[in-house]
Each structure stands twice: as structure tokens, then as C-alpha cells.
PDB file of N, CA and C in Angstrom:
ATOM      1  N   MET A   1     -73.579  64.932 102.754  1.00  0.00           N
ATOM      2  CA  MET A   1     -74.665  65.393 103.593  1.00  0.00           C
ATOM      3  C   MET A   1     -75.144  64.224 104.448  1.00  0.00           C
ATOM      4  N   ALA A   2     -75.347  64.462 105.708  1.00  0.00           N
ATOM      5  CA  ALA A   2     -75.783  63.416 106.631  1.00  0.00           C
ATOM      6  C   ALA A   2     -77.244  63.078 106.394  1.00  0.00           C
ATOM      7  N   GLU A   3     -77.578  61.858 106.641  1.00  0.00           N
ATOM      8  CA  GLU A   3     -78.948  61.395 106.465  1.00  0.00           C
ATOM      9  C   GLU A   3     -79.686  61.403 107.795  1.00  0.00           C
ATOM     10  N   GLN A   4     -80.976  61.295 107.711  1.00  0.00           N
ATOM     11  CA  GLN A   4     -81.840  61.186 108.875  1.00  0.00           C
ATOM     12  C   GLN A   4     -81.617  59.826 109.516  1.00  0.00           C
ATOM     13  N   ARG A   5     -81.673  59.771 110.847  1.00  0.00           N
ATOM     14  CA  ARG A   5     -81.583  58.503 111.550  1.00  0.00           C
ATOM     15  C   ARG A   5     -82.921  58.233 112.217  1.00  0.00           C
ATOM     16  N   ASN A   6     -83.409  57.025 112.067  1.00  0.00           N
ATOM     17  CA  ASN A   6     -84.641  56.596 112.738  1.00  0.00           C
ATOM     18  C   ASN A   6     -84.249  55.645 113.847  1.00  0.00           C
ATOM     19  N   GLU A   7     -84.758  55.879 115.025  1.00  0.00           N
ATOM     20  CA  GLU A   7     -84.441  55.025 116.158  1.00  0.00           C
ATOM     21  C   GLU A   7     -85.726  54.554 116.814  1.00  0.00           C
ATOM     22  N   ARG A   8     -85.736  53.329 117.249  1.00  0.00           N
ATOM     23  CA  ARG A   8     -86.905  52.772 117.914  1.00  0.00           C
ATOM     24  C   ARG A   8     -86.638  52.773 119.424  1.00  0.00           C
ATOM     25  N   THR A   9     -87.574  53.327 120.189  1.00  0.00           N
ATOM     26  CA  THR A   9     -87.437  53.363 121.644  1.00  0.00           C
ATOM     27  C   THR A   9     -88.004  52.085 122.241  1.00  0.00           C
ATOM     28  N   GLU A  10     -87.879  51.926 123.551  1.00  0.00           N
ATOM     29  CA  GLU A  10     -88.364  50.729 124.231  1.00  0.00           C
ATOM     30  C   GLU A  10     -89.852  50.487 124.018  1.00  0.00           C
ATOM     31  N   ASP A  11     -90.634  51.539 123.893  1.00  0.00           N
ATOM     32  CA  ASP A  11     -92.080  51.381 123.717  1.00  0.00           C
ATOM     33  C   ASP A  11     -92.480  51.293 122.240  1.00  0.00           C
ATOM     34  N   SER A  12     -91.525  50.999 121.363  1.00  0.00           N
ATOM     35  CA  SER A  12     -91.724  50.811 119.919  1.00  0.00           C
ATOM     36  C   SER A  12     -92.079  52.089 119.169  1.00  0.00           C
ATOM     37  N   THR A  13     -91.828  53.229 119.766  1.00  0.00           N
ATOM     38  CA  THR A  13     -92.034  54.490 119.081  1.00  0.00           C
ATOM     39  C   THR A  13     -90.805  54.797 118.233  1.00  0.00           C
ATOM     40  N   ILE A  14     -91.034  55.193 116.986  1.00  0.00           N
ATOM     41  CA  ILE A  14     -89.915  55.570 116.127  1.00  0.00           C
ATOM     42  C   ILE A  14     -89.668  57.056 116.307  1.00  0.00           C
ATOM     43  N   THR A  15     -88.428  57.425 116.588  1.00  0.00           N
ATOM     44  CA  THR A  15     -88.066  58.828 116.692  1.00  0.00           C
ATOM     45  C   THR A  15     -87.160  59.181 115.521  1.00  0.00           C
ATOM     46  N   PHE A  16     -87.240  60.422 115.078  1.00  0.00           N
ATOM     47  CA  PHE A  16     -86.452  60.888 113.958  1.00  0.00           C
ATOM     48  C   PHE A  16     -85.425  61.894 114.449  1.00  0.00           C
ATOM     49  N   THR A  17     -84.205  61.697 114.030  1.00  0.00           N
ATOM     50  CA  THR A  17     -83.133  62.620 114.365  1.00  0.00           C
ATOM     51  C   THR A  17     -82.547  63.140 113.062  1.00  0.00           C
ATOM     52  N   MET A  18     -82.420  64.445 112.945  1.00  0.00           N
ATOM     53  CA  MET A  18     -81.922  65.041 111.717  1.00  0.00           C
ATOM     54  C   MET A  18     -80.895  66.101 112.083  1.00  0.00           C
ATOM     55  N   ASP A  19     -79.761  66.114 111.374  1.00  0.00           N
ATOM     56  CA  ASP A  19     -78.778  67.144 111.666  1.00  0.00           C
ATOM     57  C   ASP A  19     -79.207  68.471 111.046  1.00  0.00           C
ATOM     58  N   LYS A  20     -78.597  69.531 111.500  1.00  0.00           N
ATOM     59  CA  LYS A  20     -78.991  70.886 111.080  1.00  0.00           C
ATOM     60  C   LYS A  20     -78.766  71.120 109.596  1.00  0.00           C
ATOM     61  N   GLU A  21     -77.729  70.520 109.039  1.00  0.00           N
ATOM     62  CA  GLU A  21     -77.449  70.679 107.614  1.00  0.00           C
ATOM     63  C   GLU A  21     -78.570  70.061 106.772  1.00  0.00           C
ATOM     64  N   ARG A  22     -78.994  68.871 107.138  1.00  0.00           N
ATOM     65  CA  ARG A  22     -80.073  68.197 106.411  1.00  0.00           C
ATOM     66  C   ARG A  22     -81.380  68.967 106.567  1.00  0.00           C
ATOM     67  N   GLU A  23     -81.624  69.460 107.760  1.00  0.00           N
ATOM     68  CA  GLU A  23     -82.842  70.238 108.010  1.00  0.00           C
ATOM     69  C   GLU A  23     -82.871  71.497 107.139  1.00  0.00           C
ATOM     70  N   ALA A  24     -81.749  72.197 107.033  1.00  0.00           N
ATOM     71  CA  ALA A  24     -81.673  73.394 106.199  1.00  0.00           C
ATOM     72  C   ALA A  24     -81.888  73.051 104.728  1.00  0.00           C
ATOM     73  N   TYR A  25     -81.332  71.929 104.291  1.00  0.00           N
ATOM     74  CA  TYR A  25     -81.503  71.463 102.916  1.00  0.00           C
ATOM     75  C   TYR A  25     -82.987  71.217 102.615  1.00  0.00           C
ATOM     76  N   ILE A  26     -83.675  70.562 103.523  1.00  0.00           N
ATOM     77  CA  ILE A  26     -85.088  70.256 103.328  1.00  0.00           C
ATOM     78  C   ILE A  26     -85.931  71.522 103.367  1.00  0.00           C
ATOM     79  N   ARG A  27     -85.613  72.430 104.271  1.00  0.00           N
ATOM     80  CA  ARG A  27     -86.337  73.701 104.328  1.00  0.00           C
ATOM     81  C   ARG A  27     -86.194  74.458 103.009  1.00  0.00           C
ATOM     82  N   ASN A  28     -85.001  74.426 102.442  1.00  0.00           N
ATOM     83  CA  ASN A  28     -84.754  75.083 101.165  1.00  0.00           C
ATOM     84  C   ASN A  28     -85.605  74.452 100.064  1.00  0.00           C
ATOM     85  N   ILE A  29     -85.693  73.142 100.055  1.00  0.00           N
ATOM     86  CA  ILE A  29     -86.506  72.445  99.062  1.00  0.00           C
ATOM     87  C   ILE A  29     -87.977  72.829  99.198  1.00  0.00           C
ATOM     88  N   ILE A  30     -88.497  72.832 100.414  1.00  0.00           N
ATOM     89  CA  ILE A  30     -89.899  73.203 100.634  1.00  0.00           C
ATOM     90  C   ILE A  30     -90.149  74.623 100.130  1.00  0.00           C
ATOM     91  N   THR A  31     -89.228  75.525 100.409  1.00  0.00           N
ATOM     92  CA  THR A  31     -89.361  76.920  99.971  1.00  0.00           C
ATOM     93  C   THR A  31     -89.347  77.026  98.453  1.00  0.00           C
ATOM     94  N   LEU A  32     -88.420  76.323  97.799  1.00  0.00           N
ATOM     95  CA  LEU A  32     -88.345  76.353  96.332  1.00  0.00           C
ATOM     96  C   LEU A  32     -89.619  75.815  95.699  1.00  0.00           C
ATOM     97  N   VAL A  33     -90.111  74.716  96.215  1.00  0.00           N
ATOM     98  CA  VAL A  33     -91.329  74.110  95.676  1.00  0.00           C
ATOM     99  C   VAL A  33     -92.525  75.026  95.920  1.00  0.00           C
ATOM    100  N   TYR A  34     -92.627  75.578  97.117  1.00  0.00           N
ATOM    101  CA  TYR A  34     -93.703  76.503  97.449  1.00  0.00           C
ATOM    102  C   TYR A  34     -93.729  77.676  96.461  1.00  0.00           C
ATOM    103  N   GLU A  35     -92.570  78.274  96.216  1.00  0.00           N
ATOM    104  CA  GLU A  35     -92.485  79.420  95.314  1.00  0.00           C
ATOM    105  C   GLU A  35     -92.844  79.043  93.883  1.00  0.00           C
ATOM    106  N   ALA A  36     -92.400  77.893  93.419  1.00  0.00           N
ATOM    107  CA  ALA A  36     -92.729  77.445  92.064  1.00  0.00           C
ATOM    108  C   ALA A  36     -94.243  77.279  91.920  1.00  0.00           C
ATOM    109  N   LEU A  37     -94.872  76.690  92.912  1.00  0.00           N
ATOM    110  CA  LEU A  37     -96.328  76.509  92.878  1.00  0.00           C
ATOM    111  C   LEU A  37     -97.049  77.854  92.908  1.00  0.00           C
ATOM    112  N   ARG A  38     -96.586  78.749  93.748  1.00  0.00           N
ATOM    113  CA  ARG A  38     -97.204  80.078  93.855  1.00  0.00           C
ATOM    114  C   ARG A  38     -97.090  80.843  92.538  1.00  0.00           C
ATOM    115  N   ILE A  39     -95.910  80.829  91.938  1.00  0.00           N
ATOM    116  CA  ILE A  39     -95.686  81.532  90.673  1.00  0.00           C
ATOM    117  C   ILE A  39     -96.595  80.995  89.568  1.00  0.00           C
ATOM    118  N   LYS A  40     -96.824  79.704  89.560  1.00  0.00           N
ATOM    119  CA  LYS A  40     -97.669  79.098  88.528  1.00  0.00           C
ATOM    120  C   LYS A  40     -99.164  79.243  88.829  1.00  0.00           C
ATOM    121  N   GLY A  41     -99.504  79.880  89.949  1.00  0.00           N
ATOM    122  CA  GLY A  41    -100.900  80.177  90.248  1.00  0.00           C
ATOM    123  C   GLY A  41    -101.640  79.125  91.056  1.00  0.00           C
ATOM    124  N   TYR A  42    -100.918  78.160  91.589  1.00  0.00           N
ATOM    125  CA  TYR A  42    -101.535  77.130  92.421  1.00  0.00           C
ATOM    126  C   TYR A  42    -101.581  77.583  93.876  1.00  0.00           C
ATOM    127  N   ASP A  43    -102.412  76.927  94.662  1.00  0.00           N
ATOM    128  CA  ASP A  43    -102.404  77.118  96.112  1.00  0.00           C
ATOM    129  C   ASP A  43    -101.310  76.190  96.646  1.00  0.00           C
ATOM    130  N   PRO A  44    -100.138  76.740  96.987  1.00  0.00           N
ATOM    131  CA  PRO A  44     -98.990  75.904  97.373  1.00  0.00           C
ATOM    132  C   PRO A  44     -99.267  74.964  98.538  1.00  0.00           C
ATOM    133  N   VAL A  45     -99.984  75.441  99.537  1.00  0.00           N
ATOM    134  CA  VAL A  45    -100.253  74.606 100.705  1.00  0.00           C
ATOM    135  C   VAL A  45    -101.107  73.397 100.306  1.00  0.00           C
ATOM    136  N   SER A  46    -102.167  73.624  99.559  1.00  0.00           N
ATOM    137  CA  SER A  46    -103.026  72.518  99.136  1.00  0.00           C
ATOM    138  C   SER A  46    -102.275  71.522  98.270  1.00  0.00           C
ATOM    139  N   GLN A  47    -101.450  72.017  97.374  1.00  0.00           N
ATOM    140  CA  GLN A  47    -100.711  71.137  96.480  1.00  0.00           C
ATOM    141  C   GLN A  47     -99.682  70.305  97.244  1.00  0.00           C
ATOM    142  N   ILE A  48     -98.978  70.921  98.181  1.00  0.00           N
ATOM    143  CA  ILE A  48     -97.980  70.194  98.970  1.00  0.00           C
ATOM    144  C   ILE A  48     -98.665  69.174  99.867  1.00  0.00           C
ATOM    145  N   VAL A  49     -99.795  69.530 100.459  1.00  0.00           N
ATOM    146  CA  VAL A  49    -100.540  68.581 101.288  1.00  0.00           C
ATOM    147  C   VAL A  49    -101.006  67.402 100.429  1.00  0.00           C
ATOM    148  N   GLY A  50    -101.507  67.676  99.248  1.00  0.00           N
ATOM    149  CA  GLY A  50    -101.919  66.607  98.344  1.00  0.00           C
ATOM    150  C   GLY A  50    -100.761  65.667  98.038  1.00  0.00           C
ATOM    151  N   TYR A  51     -99.607  66.227  97.781  1.00  0.00           N
ATOM    152  CA  TYR A  51     -98.424  65.412  97.516  1.00  0.00           C
ATOM    153  C   TYR A  51     -98.056  64.568  98.736  1.00  0.00           C
ATOM    154  N   LEU A  52     -98.067  65.174  99.903  1.00  0.00           N
ATOM    155  CA  LEU A  52     -97.690  64.454 101.124  1.00  0.00           C
ATOM    156  C   LEU A  52     -98.666  63.323 101.442  1.00  0.00           C
ATOM    157  N   LEU A  53     -99.948  63.538 101.185  1.00  0.00           N
ATOM    158  CA  LEU A  53    -100.941  62.512 101.478  1.00  0.00           C
ATOM    159  C   LEU A  53    -100.907  61.350 100.488  1.00  0.00           C
ATOM    160  N   THR A  54    -100.623  61.661  99.230  1.00  0.00           N
ATOM    161  CA  THR A  54    -100.729  60.632  98.190  1.00  0.00           C
ATOM    162  C   THR A  54     -99.392  60.179  97.610  1.00  0.00           C
ATOM    163  N   GLU A  55     -98.378  60.987  97.777  1.00  0.00           N
ATOM    164  CA  GLU A  55     -97.063  60.808  97.144  1.00  0.00           C
ATOM    165  C   GLU A  55     -97.188  60.818  95.614  1.00  0.00           C
ATOM    166  N   ASP A  56     -98.243  61.449  95.127  1.00  0.00           N
ATOM    167  CA  ASP A  56     -98.449  61.607  93.691  1.00  0.00           C
ATOM    168  C   ASP A  56     -97.704  62.864  93.241  1.00  0.00           C
ATOM    169  N   PRO A  57     -96.648  62.719  92.448  1.00  0.00           N
ATOM    170  CA  PRO A  57     -95.832  63.872  92.072  1.00  0.00           C
ATOM    171  C   PRO A  57     -96.555  64.889  91.187  1.00  0.00           C
ATOM    172  N   THR A  58     -97.694  64.517  90.614  1.00  0.00           N
ATOM    173  CA  THR A  58     -98.398  65.474  89.758  1.00  0.00           C
ATOM    174  C   THR A  58     -99.022  66.626  90.548  1.00  0.00           C
ATOM    175  N   TYR A  59     -99.050  66.524  91.862  1.00  0.00           N
ATOM    176  CA  TYR A  59     -99.480  67.667  92.684  1.00  0.00           C
ATOM    177  C   TYR A  59     -98.466  68.804  92.622  1.00  0.00           C
ATOM    178  N   ILE A  60     -97.248  68.506  92.228  1.00  0.00           N
ATOM    179  CA  ILE A  60     -96.168  69.490  92.196  1.00  0.00           C
ATOM    180  C   ILE A  60     -95.857  69.833  90.744  1.00  0.00           C
ATOM    181  N   THR A  61     -95.772  71.112  90.454  1.00  0.00           N
ATOM    182  CA  THR A  61     -95.488  71.576  89.105  1.00  0.00           C
ATOM    183  C   THR A  61     -94.077  71.185  88.662  1.00  0.00           C
ATOM    184  N   ASN A  62     -93.898  71.075  87.364  1.00  0.00           N
ATOM    185  CA  ASN A  62     -92.562  70.854  86.809  1.00  0.00           C
ATOM    186  C   ASN A  62     -91.772  72.163  86.716  1.00  0.00           C
ATOM    187  N   TYR A  63     -92.460  73.285  86.886  1.00  0.00           N
ATOM    188  CA  TYR A  63     -91.817  74.593  86.778  1.00  0.00           C
ATOM    189  C   TYR A  63     -90.618  74.671  87.720  1.00  0.00           C
ATOM    190  N   ASN A  64     -89.505  75.167  87.200  1.00  0.00           N
ATOM    191  CA  ASN A  64     -88.247  75.286  87.957  1.00  0.00           C
ATOM    192  C   ASN A  64     -87.786  73.953  88.538  1.00  0.00           C
ATOM    193  N   ASN A  65     -88.189  72.865  87.886  1.00  0.00           N
ATOM    194  CA  ASN A  65     -87.758  71.524  88.292  1.00  0.00           C
ATOM    195  C   ASN A  65     -88.273  71.136  89.689  1.00  0.00           C
ATOM    196  N   ALA A  66     -89.354  71.778  90.129  1.00  0.00           N
ATOM    197  CA  ALA A  66     -89.869  71.567  91.488  1.00  0.00           C
ATOM    198  C   ALA A  66     -90.255  70.121  91.753  1.00  0.00           C
ATOM    199  N   ARG A  67     -90.838  69.467  90.760  1.00  0.00           N
ATOM    200  CA  ARG A  67     -91.299  68.086  90.958  1.00  0.00           C
ATOM    201  C   ARG A  67     -90.129  67.143  91.257  1.00  0.00           C
ATOM    202  N   SER A  68     -89.078  67.265  90.500  1.00  0.00           N
ATOM    203  CA  SER A  68     -87.938  66.363  90.757  1.00  0.00           C
ATOM    204  C   SER A  68     -87.191  66.762  92.026  1.00  0.00           C
ATOM    205  N   ILE A  69     -87.209  68.037  92.362  1.00  0.00           N
ATOM    206  CA  ILE A  69     -86.535  68.506  93.582  1.00  0.00           C
ATOM    207  C   ILE A  69     -87.219  67.942  94.821  1.00  0.00           C
ATOM    208  N   ILE A  70     -88.541  68.006  94.877  1.00  0.00           N
ATOM    209  CA  ILE A  70     -89.235  67.538  96.081  1.00  0.00           C
ATOM    210  C   ILE A  70     -89.102  66.022  96.249  1.00  0.00           C
ATOM    211  N   ARG A  71     -88.916  65.311  95.161  1.00  0.00           N
ATOM    212  CA  ARG A  71     -88.799  63.856  95.249  1.00  0.00           C
ATOM    213  C   ARG A  71     -87.436  63.408  95.772  1.00  0.00           C
ATOM    214  N   LYS A  72     -86.522  64.349  95.979  1.00  0.00           N
ATOM    215  CA  LYS A  72     -85.216  64.031  96.553  1.00  0.00           C
ATOM    216  C   LYS A  72     -85.292  63.823  98.064  1.00  0.00           C
ATOM    217  N   VAL A  73     -86.432  64.179  98.643  1.00  0.00           N
ATOM    218  CA  VAL A  73     -86.601  64.123 100.092  1.00  0.00           C
ATOM    219  C   VAL A  73     -87.728  63.159 100.432  1.00  0.00           C
ATOM    220  N   ASP A  74     -87.498  62.319 101.413  1.00  0.00           N
ATOM    221  CA  ASP A  74     -88.505  61.381 101.895  1.00  0.00           C
ATOM    222  C   ASP A  74     -89.661  62.145 102.534  1.00  0.00           C
ATOM    223  N   ARG A  75     -90.877  61.665 102.327  1.00  0.00           N
ATOM    224  CA  ARG A  75     -92.047  62.340 102.925  1.00  0.00           C
ATOM    225  C   ARG A  75     -91.951  62.428 104.437  1.00  0.00           C
ATOM    226  N   ASP A  76     -91.414  61.410 105.102  1.00  0.00           N
ATOM    227  CA  ASP A  76     -91.273  61.467 106.560  1.00  0.00           C
ATOM    228  C   ASP A  76     -90.398  62.641 106.982  1.00  0.00           C
ATOM    229  N   GLU A  77     -89.344  62.883 106.222  1.00  0.00           N
ATOM    230  CA  GLU A  77     -88.475  64.023 106.531  1.00  0.00           C
ATOM    231  C   GLU A  77     -89.223  65.337 106.340  1.00  0.00           C
ATOM    232  N   LEU A  78     -89.966  65.446 105.244  1.00  0.00           N
ATOM    233  CA  LEU A  78     -90.747  66.663 104.997  1.00  0.00           C
ATOM    234  C   LEU A  78     -91.750  66.908 106.110  1.00  0.00           C
ATOM    235  N   LEU A  79     -92.467  65.869 106.483  1.00  0.00           N
ATOM    236  CA  LEU A  79     -93.453  66.002 107.558  1.00  0.00           C
ATOM    237  C   LEU A  79     -92.795  66.370 108.879  1.00  0.00           C
ATOM    238  N   ASN A  80     -91.643  65.783 109.151  1.00  0.00           N
ATOM    239  CA  ASN A  80     -90.909  66.088 110.376  1.00  0.00           C
ATOM    240  C   ASN A  80     -90.595  67.581 110.453  1.00  0.00           C
ATOM    241  N   ILE A  81     -90.069  68.136 109.378  1.00  0.00           N
ATOM    242  CA  ILE A  81     -89.727  69.558 109.339  1.00  0.00           C
ATOM    243  C   ILE A  81     -90.968  70.425 109.479  1.00  0.00           C
ATOM    244  N   ILE A  82     -92.013  70.092 108.744  1.00  0.00           N
ATOM    245  CA  ILE A  82     -93.237  70.898 108.763  1.00  0.00           C
ATOM    246  C   ILE A  82     -93.876  70.899 110.144  1.00  0.00           C
ATOM    247  N   VAL A  83     -94.029  69.740 110.745  1.00  0.00           N
ATOM    248  CA  VAL A  83     -94.653  69.647 112.070  1.00  0.00           C
ATOM    249  C   VAL A  83     -93.770  70.314 113.121  1.00  0.00           C
ATOM    250  N   SER A  84     -92.476  70.072 113.064  1.00  0.00           N
ATOM    251  CA  SER A  84     -91.564  70.704 114.029  1.00  0.00           C
ATOM    252  C   SER A  84     -91.636  72.222 113.954  1.00  0.00           C
ATOM    253  N   ASN A  85     -91.682  72.740 112.743  1.00  0.00           N
ATOM    254  CA  ASN A  85     -91.767  74.189 112.555  1.00  0.00           C
ATOM    255  C   ASN A  85     -93.098  74.720 113.080  1.00  0.00           C
ATOM    256  N   TYR A  86     -94.173  74.012 112.834  1.00  0.00           N
ATOM    257  CA  TYR A  86     -95.484  74.443 113.309  1.00  0.00           C
ATOM    258  C   TYR A  86     -95.535  74.456 114.842  1.00  0.00           C
ATOM    259  N   ILE A  87     -95.031  73.416 115.453  1.00  0.00           N
ATOM    260  CA  ILE A  87     -95.061  73.306 116.910  1.00  0.00           C
ATOM    261  C   ILE A  87     -94.185  74.364 117.583  1.00  0.00           C
ATOM    262  N   SER A  88     -93.060  74.698 116.959  1.00  0.00           N
ATOM    263  CA  SER A  88     -92.115  75.635 117.573  1.00  0.00           C
ATOM    264  C   SER A  88     -92.566  77.081 117.480  1.00  0.00           C
ATOM    265  N   GLN A  89     -93.620  77.352 116.721  1.00  0.00           N
ATOM    266  CA  GLN A  89     -94.089  78.745 116.591  1.00  0.00           C
ATOM    267  C   GLN A  89     -95.023  79.144 117.685  1.00  0.00           C
TER     268      GLN A  89
END
């Protein structure tokens, strides 16, 4: 699976480039974690936001191995997918 590439532009802005396969993989992870949190009775959005802000894995349930699954993805990648999806709607 291809990894994300970070590139620095002339004005020192870091841009993120992700291939479609990696993006689909990350979307799948977000969906799995969201569902695990929902099934266990948590507010999935609040829990995922808490995790993204603090990188504290205890925001994510262990149910269905969600905690270890979400830790396979860098927070920058998760944020990239989430923001891109929000903007494109």
C-alpha cells in the first residue's frame, strides 16, 4: 500500500498527497471505528474528535479492535480525509 507524501512548497506550506487506495483504506478505518463507538453507545463524533485533538487512544473503544485499528493511521492522514470530505460536500 502506498504511503502519504508530504511536500513543502516555495512558501513553506506543507501539502499532502494521498493515493486513492490509501484514502479508501483510511475511510474504511474511520467507518469501522465510528460503528464500534456507536454500537457501544458513545457519541462517535465526539470520541473521534477527542482522539484527534489529544491522540489519547482511550477515546476509542477496544470493541472490535477499534482502538488498535485507528492507531494504524497517522492523525494528519485522518484529518486530511475528514476535512477533504467535508469541503467536497
